[in-house]
N, C-alpha and C. Protein backbone atom coordinates (compact mmCIF):
# COMPACT_ATOMS: atom_id res chain seq x y z
N MET A 1 -32.58 -17.10 19.40
CA MET A 1 -31.24 -16.64 19.59
C MET A 1 -30.34 -17.87 19.54
N GLU A 2 -29.14 -17.63 18.89
CA GLU A 2 -28.08 -18.67 18.72
C GLU A 2 -27.43 -18.94 20.04
N VAL A 3 -27.04 -20.16 20.24
CA VAL A 3 -26.24 -20.51 21.36
C VAL A 3 -24.76 -20.35 20.95
N PRO A 4 -24.00 -19.62 21.75
CA PRO A 4 -22.55 -19.43 21.41
C PRO A 4 -21.80 -20.75 21.34
N GLY A 5 -20.92 -20.92 20.37
CA GLY A 5 -20.15 -22.11 20.22
C GLY A 5 -18.91 -22.09 20.99
N PHE A 6 -17.89 -22.92 20.54
CA PHE A 6 -16.63 -23.07 21.21
C PHE A 6 -15.87 -21.76 21.27
N ARG A 7 -15.90 -21.00 20.16
CA ARG A 7 -15.30 -19.66 20.10
C ARG A 7 -16.43 -18.68 19.70
N PRO A 8 -17.20 -18.20 20.62
CA PRO A 8 -18.33 -17.36 20.36
C PRO A 8 -17.93 -16.07 19.52
N ARG A 9 -18.70 -15.77 18.52
CA ARG A 9 -18.47 -14.59 17.64
C ARG A 9 -19.73 -13.74 17.68
N PHE A 10 -19.45 -12.39 17.67
CA PHE A 10 -20.52 -11.43 17.65
C PHE A 10 -20.25 -10.36 16.61
N LYS A 11 -21.25 -9.89 15.96
CA LYS A 11 -21.11 -8.80 14.88
C LYS A 11 -22.25 -7.93 15.11
N PHE A 12 -21.97 -6.58 15.20
CA PHE A 12 -23.06 -5.62 15.26
C PHE A 12 -22.47 -4.29 14.69
N GLU A 13 -23.36 -3.33 14.43
CA GLU A 13 -22.97 -2.05 14.00
C GLU A 13 -23.21 -0.99 15.08
N SER A 14 -22.33 0.02 15.08
CA SER A 14 -22.39 1.08 16.10
C SER A 14 -22.38 2.47 15.29
N PRO A 15 -23.08 3.40 15.84
CA PRO A 15 -23.02 4.76 15.29
C PRO A 15 -21.67 5.48 15.60
N MET A 16 -20.90 4.95 16.51
CA MET A 16 -19.62 5.58 16.98
C MET A 16 -18.47 5.11 16.04
N ALA A 17 -17.45 5.87 16.05
CA ALA A 17 -16.27 5.53 15.36
C ALA A 17 -15.47 4.53 16.14
N GLY A 18 -14.65 3.68 15.51
CA GLY A 18 -13.75 2.76 16.16
C GLY A 18 -12.93 3.30 17.25
N ALA A 19 -12.38 4.52 17.05
CA ALA A 19 -11.54 5.13 18.02
C ALA A 19 -12.32 5.58 19.28
N GLU A 20 -13.54 5.98 19.03
CA GLU A 20 -14.39 6.38 20.14
C GLU A 20 -14.80 5.16 21.01
N ILE A 21 -15.07 4.10 20.37
CA ILE A 21 -15.36 2.86 21.07
C ILE A 21 -14.18 2.38 21.93
N THR A 22 -12.98 2.46 21.29
CA THR A 22 -11.77 2.06 21.99
C THR A 22 -11.57 2.99 23.22
N ASP A 23 -11.69 4.28 22.99
CA ASP A 23 -11.56 5.23 24.11
C ASP A 23 -12.55 4.96 25.25
N ARG A 24 -13.79 4.60 24.93
CA ARG A 24 -14.75 4.34 25.97
C ARG A 24 -14.41 3.12 26.75
N ILE A 25 -13.96 2.04 26.02
CA ILE A 25 -13.56 0.80 26.71
C ILE A 25 -12.33 1.07 27.62
N SER A 26 -11.37 1.83 27.12
CA SER A 26 -10.16 2.18 27.91
C SER A 26 -10.59 2.93 29.14
N GLU A 27 -11.43 3.90 28.99
CA GLU A 27 -11.88 4.75 30.13
C GLU A 27 -12.61 3.90 31.12
N ARG A 28 -13.39 2.98 30.74
CA ARG A 28 -14.19 2.08 31.59
C ARG A 28 -13.25 1.23 32.37
N LEU A 29 -12.26 0.71 31.71
CA LEU A 29 -11.22 -0.19 32.37
C LEU A 29 -10.39 0.63 33.38
N ARG A 30 -10.20 1.93 33.17
CA ARG A 30 -9.40 2.76 34.12
C ARG A 30 -10.34 3.05 35.44
N GLN A 31 -11.63 3.20 35.18
CA GLN A 31 -12.50 3.64 36.21
C GLN A 31 -12.90 2.34 37.07
N GLU A 32 -13.22 1.29 36.43
CA GLU A 32 -13.80 0.13 37.10
C GLU A 32 -13.26 -1.14 36.50
N ASN A 33 -12.37 -1.83 37.14
CA ASN A 33 -11.71 -2.99 36.54
C ASN A 33 -11.35 -4.02 37.66
N PRO A 34 -12.30 -4.64 38.37
CA PRO A 34 -12.00 -5.53 39.46
C PRO A 34 -11.16 -6.70 39.14
N ARG A 35 -11.28 -7.19 37.92
CA ARG A 35 -10.46 -8.40 37.52
C ARG A 35 -9.09 -8.04 36.89
N GLY A 36 -8.82 -6.74 36.81
CA GLY A 36 -7.48 -6.31 36.31
C GLY A 36 -7.29 -6.61 34.81
N LEU A 37 -8.33 -6.59 34.07
CA LEU A 37 -8.18 -6.81 32.61
C LEU A 37 -7.27 -5.81 31.98
N TRP A 38 -6.53 -6.20 30.97
CA TRP A 38 -5.70 -5.26 30.31
C TRP A 38 -5.96 -5.26 28.81
N LEU A 39 -5.77 -4.15 28.20
CA LEU A 39 -6.19 -3.84 26.87
C LEU A 39 -4.92 -3.63 25.99
N LYS A 40 -4.90 -4.34 24.80
CA LYS A 40 -3.93 -4.10 23.82
C LYS A 40 -4.62 -3.39 22.68
N ASN A 41 -4.02 -2.31 22.11
CA ASN A 41 -4.67 -1.52 21.12
C ASN A 41 -3.77 -1.42 19.91
N ALA A 42 -4.27 -1.83 18.72
CA ALA A 42 -3.56 -1.73 17.50
C ALA A 42 -4.46 -1.21 16.38
N HIS A 43 -4.65 0.14 16.38
CA HIS A 43 -5.47 0.87 15.44
C HIS A 43 -6.87 0.31 15.29
N TYR A 44 -7.15 -0.68 14.39
CA TYR A 44 -8.52 -1.16 14.17
C TYR A 44 -8.76 -2.49 14.86
N HIS A 45 -7.89 -2.84 15.79
CA HIS A 45 -7.98 -4.09 16.57
C HIS A 45 -7.66 -3.88 18.00
N ILE A 46 -8.42 -4.35 18.89
CA ILE A 46 -8.10 -4.41 20.41
C ILE A 46 -8.30 -5.78 20.90
N THR A 47 -7.54 -6.02 21.93
CA THR A 47 -7.59 -7.39 22.60
C THR A 47 -7.74 -7.12 24.03
N LEU A 48 -8.80 -7.75 24.68
CA LEU A 48 -8.95 -7.73 26.19
C LEU A 48 -8.42 -9.06 26.77
N ASN A 49 -7.47 -8.98 27.68
CA ASN A 49 -6.88 -10.13 28.27
C ASN A 49 -7.02 -10.05 29.80
N PHE A 50 -7.05 -11.26 30.44
CA PHE A 50 -6.90 -11.35 31.89
C PHE A 50 -5.42 -11.18 32.16
N PRO A 51 -5.12 -10.75 33.40
CA PRO A 51 -3.62 -10.62 33.75
C PRO A 51 -2.98 -12.03 33.83
N HIS A 52 -1.72 -12.06 33.52
CA HIS A 52 -0.99 -13.38 33.46
C HIS A 52 -0.98 -14.02 34.84
N THR A 53 -0.88 -13.32 35.88
CA THR A 53 -0.84 -13.84 37.29
C THR A 53 -2.23 -14.48 37.54
N GLY A 54 -2.23 -15.69 37.92
CA GLY A 54 -3.47 -16.33 38.28
C GLY A 54 -4.35 -16.85 37.16
N SER A 55 -3.79 -16.72 35.87
CA SER A 55 -4.56 -17.21 34.73
C SER A 55 -3.92 -18.50 34.22
N GLU A 56 -4.76 -19.36 33.64
CA GLU A 56 -4.28 -20.59 33.10
C GLU A 56 -4.02 -20.40 31.63
N ALA A 57 -3.43 -21.47 31.05
CA ALA A 57 -3.10 -21.37 29.56
C ALA A 57 -4.42 -21.28 28.69
N TRP A 58 -5.49 -21.77 29.17
CA TRP A 58 -6.75 -21.81 28.35
C TRP A 58 -7.64 -20.62 28.70
N THR A 59 -7.17 -19.65 29.57
CA THR A 59 -7.94 -18.48 29.89
C THR A 59 -8.26 -17.70 28.59
N PRO A 60 -9.54 -17.43 28.37
CA PRO A 60 -9.94 -16.78 27.14
C PRO A 60 -9.54 -15.29 27.03
N GLN A 61 -9.52 -14.84 25.81
CA GLN A 61 -9.32 -13.44 25.59
C GLN A 61 -10.37 -13.01 24.54
N MET A 62 -10.58 -11.69 24.48
CA MET A 62 -11.62 -11.19 23.49
C MET A 62 -10.90 -10.28 22.46
N ASP A 63 -11.06 -10.63 21.24
CA ASP A 63 -10.49 -9.85 20.14
C ASP A 63 -11.64 -9.05 19.51
N ILE A 64 -11.45 -7.75 19.35
CA ILE A 64 -12.43 -6.89 18.78
C ILE A 64 -11.90 -6.15 17.59
N ASN A 65 -12.52 -6.24 16.41
CA ASN A 65 -12.08 -5.59 15.20
C ASN A 65 -13.17 -4.48 14.84
N PHE A 66 -12.63 -3.45 14.27
CA PHE A 66 -13.60 -2.36 13.81
C PHE A 66 -13.34 -2.18 12.31
N GLU A 67 -14.44 -2.05 11.58
CA GLU A 67 -14.48 -1.85 10.15
C GLU A 67 -15.38 -0.61 9.91
N GLU A 68 -14.90 0.26 9.08
CA GLU A 68 -15.70 1.47 8.72
C GLU A 68 -16.88 0.97 7.80
N ALA A 69 -18.10 1.45 8.09
CA ALA A 69 -19.23 1.16 7.29
C ALA A 69 -19.82 2.46 6.70
N PRO A 70 -20.69 2.30 5.78
CA PRO A 70 -21.28 3.48 5.21
C PRO A 70 -22.00 4.40 6.20
N GLU A 71 -22.18 5.63 5.92
CA GLU A 71 -22.85 6.60 6.72
C GLU A 71 -22.24 6.87 8.10
N GLY A 72 -20.93 6.70 8.20
CA GLY A 72 -20.29 6.92 9.45
C GLY A 72 -20.42 5.92 10.52
N ARG A 73 -20.91 4.84 10.21
CA ARG A 73 -21.12 3.71 11.20
C ARG A 73 -19.90 2.88 11.24
N THR A 74 -19.82 2.00 12.24
CA THR A 74 -18.68 1.07 12.41
C THR A 74 -19.21 -0.33 12.63
N VAL A 75 -18.72 -1.29 11.93
CA VAL A 75 -19.01 -2.67 12.08
C VAL A 75 -18.08 -3.22 13.17
N VAL A 76 -18.56 -3.75 14.15
CA VAL A 76 -17.68 -4.31 15.33
C VAL A 76 -17.84 -5.83 15.31
N ARG A 77 -16.72 -6.49 15.27
CA ARG A 77 -16.70 -7.95 15.26
C ARG A 77 -15.94 -8.39 16.47
N CYS A 78 -16.51 -9.33 17.30
CA CYS A 78 -15.92 -9.75 18.56
C CYS A 78 -15.71 -11.24 18.45
N LEU A 79 -14.59 -11.76 18.90
CA LEU A 79 -14.32 -13.16 18.99
C LEU A 79 -13.73 -13.48 20.41
N ILE A 80 -14.34 -14.48 21.10
CA ILE A 80 -13.85 -14.83 22.38
C ILE A 80 -13.31 -16.19 22.24
N GLY A 81 -12.02 -16.44 22.65
CA GLY A 81 -11.46 -17.70 22.57
C GLY A 81 -10.09 -17.78 23.27
N PRO A 82 -9.43 -18.91 23.24
CA PRO A 82 -8.15 -19.02 23.87
C PRO A 82 -7.13 -18.11 23.18
N THR A 83 -5.97 -17.85 23.88
CA THR A 83 -4.96 -17.03 23.28
C THR A 83 -4.35 -17.69 22.10
N SER A 84 -3.67 -16.91 21.30
CA SER A 84 -3.05 -17.42 19.97
C SER A 84 -2.01 -18.50 20.37
N GLY A 85 -1.33 -18.44 21.47
CA GLY A 85 -0.34 -19.45 21.85
C GLY A 85 -0.99 -20.88 21.97
N ILE A 86 -2.18 -20.90 22.48
CA ILE A 86 -2.86 -22.25 22.50
C ILE A 86 -3.09 -22.78 21.12
N TRP A 87 -3.63 -21.92 20.28
CA TRP A 87 -3.83 -22.38 18.84
C TRP A 87 -2.55 -22.81 18.19
N MET A 88 -1.46 -22.12 18.43
CA MET A 88 -0.16 -22.52 17.84
C MET A 88 0.27 -23.88 18.38
N LEU A 89 0.12 -24.14 19.67
CA LEU A 89 0.34 -25.38 20.23
C LEU A 89 -0.49 -26.55 19.71
N PHE A 90 -1.78 -26.25 19.50
CA PHE A 90 -2.59 -27.27 18.87
C PHE A 90 -2.22 -27.55 17.53
N THR A 91 -1.89 -26.57 16.71
CA THR A 91 -1.50 -26.76 15.26
C THR A 91 -0.14 -27.49 15.26
N ALA A 92 0.81 -27.15 16.07
CA ALA A 92 2.09 -27.86 16.10
C ALA A 92 1.88 -29.33 16.43
N GLY A 93 1.06 -29.60 17.42
CA GLY A 93 0.78 -30.94 17.80
C GLY A 93 0.10 -31.75 16.71
N TYR A 94 -0.86 -31.10 16.02
CA TYR A 94 -1.54 -31.82 14.94
C TYR A 94 -0.58 -32.12 13.77
N VAL A 95 0.25 -31.14 13.44
CA VAL A 95 1.27 -31.34 12.39
C VAL A 95 2.24 -32.42 12.78
N GLY A 96 2.67 -32.43 14.04
CA GLY A 96 3.66 -33.45 14.54
C GLY A 96 3.03 -34.82 14.41
N LEU A 97 1.82 -34.99 14.90
CA LEU A 97 1.15 -36.26 14.79
C LEU A 97 0.88 -36.75 13.36
N THR A 98 0.60 -35.84 12.51
CA THR A 98 0.43 -36.13 11.09
C THR A 98 1.77 -36.62 10.44
N LEU A 99 2.84 -36.02 10.79
CA LEU A 99 4.12 -36.43 10.25
C LEU A 99 4.56 -37.76 10.85
N LEU A 100 4.24 -38.04 12.11
CA LEU A 100 4.50 -39.41 12.63
C LEU A 100 3.69 -40.50 12.07
N ALA A 101 2.46 -40.23 11.73
CA ALA A 101 1.47 -41.20 11.21
C ALA A 101 1.65 -41.46 9.75
N SER A 102 2.33 -40.53 9.04
CA SER A 102 2.47 -40.74 7.58
C SER A 102 3.48 -41.87 7.31
N PRO A 103 3.22 -42.62 6.26
CA PRO A 103 4.12 -43.73 5.94
C PRO A 103 5.47 -43.20 5.33
N ALA A 104 6.46 -44.04 5.53
CA ALA A 104 7.84 -43.64 4.99
C ALA A 104 7.73 -43.64 3.44
N SER A 105 8.59 -42.81 2.84
CA SER A 105 8.54 -42.72 1.34
C SER A 105 9.10 -44.05 0.80
N PRO A 106 8.64 -44.52 -0.34
CA PRO A 106 9.10 -45.77 -1.01
C PRO A 106 10.66 -45.75 -1.24
N SER A 107 11.18 -44.66 -1.62
CA SER A 107 12.64 -44.65 -1.95
C SER A 107 13.51 -44.89 -0.72
N ALA A 108 13.04 -44.56 0.40
CA ALA A 108 13.76 -44.69 1.66
C ALA A 108 13.80 -46.22 2.08
N SER A 109 12.75 -46.99 1.67
CA SER A 109 12.74 -48.39 2.08
C SER A 109 13.52 -49.26 1.16
N ARG A 110 14.01 -48.82 -0.01
CA ARG A 110 14.80 -49.59 -0.99
C ARG A 110 16.31 -49.74 -0.61
N SER A 111 16.76 -48.96 0.22
CA SER A 111 18.20 -48.89 0.58
C SER A 111 18.62 -50.14 1.22
């Protein structure tokens, strides 16, 4: 068995349709949800998040994508990782540091 990495990913097939899987997850969260998770649903993609109160910037979320497979099956892909805002902050910081570290252009130094 593989050890999950920094952003664990899972992929499996289900005999249920994506809409049925989403309905079951929604129903389960309505019945039993001690941590107050909330669900964002966008057709073939759902996201499970912790509530904003009491969560930190690095609190993970789970992204779940559904793809139709042959014979009425559904491929389910899951990704657990920080929210997209953290990745944008990391990218902006990386770009900013790259721009600061790059040498000045030769034409600017001739003036």
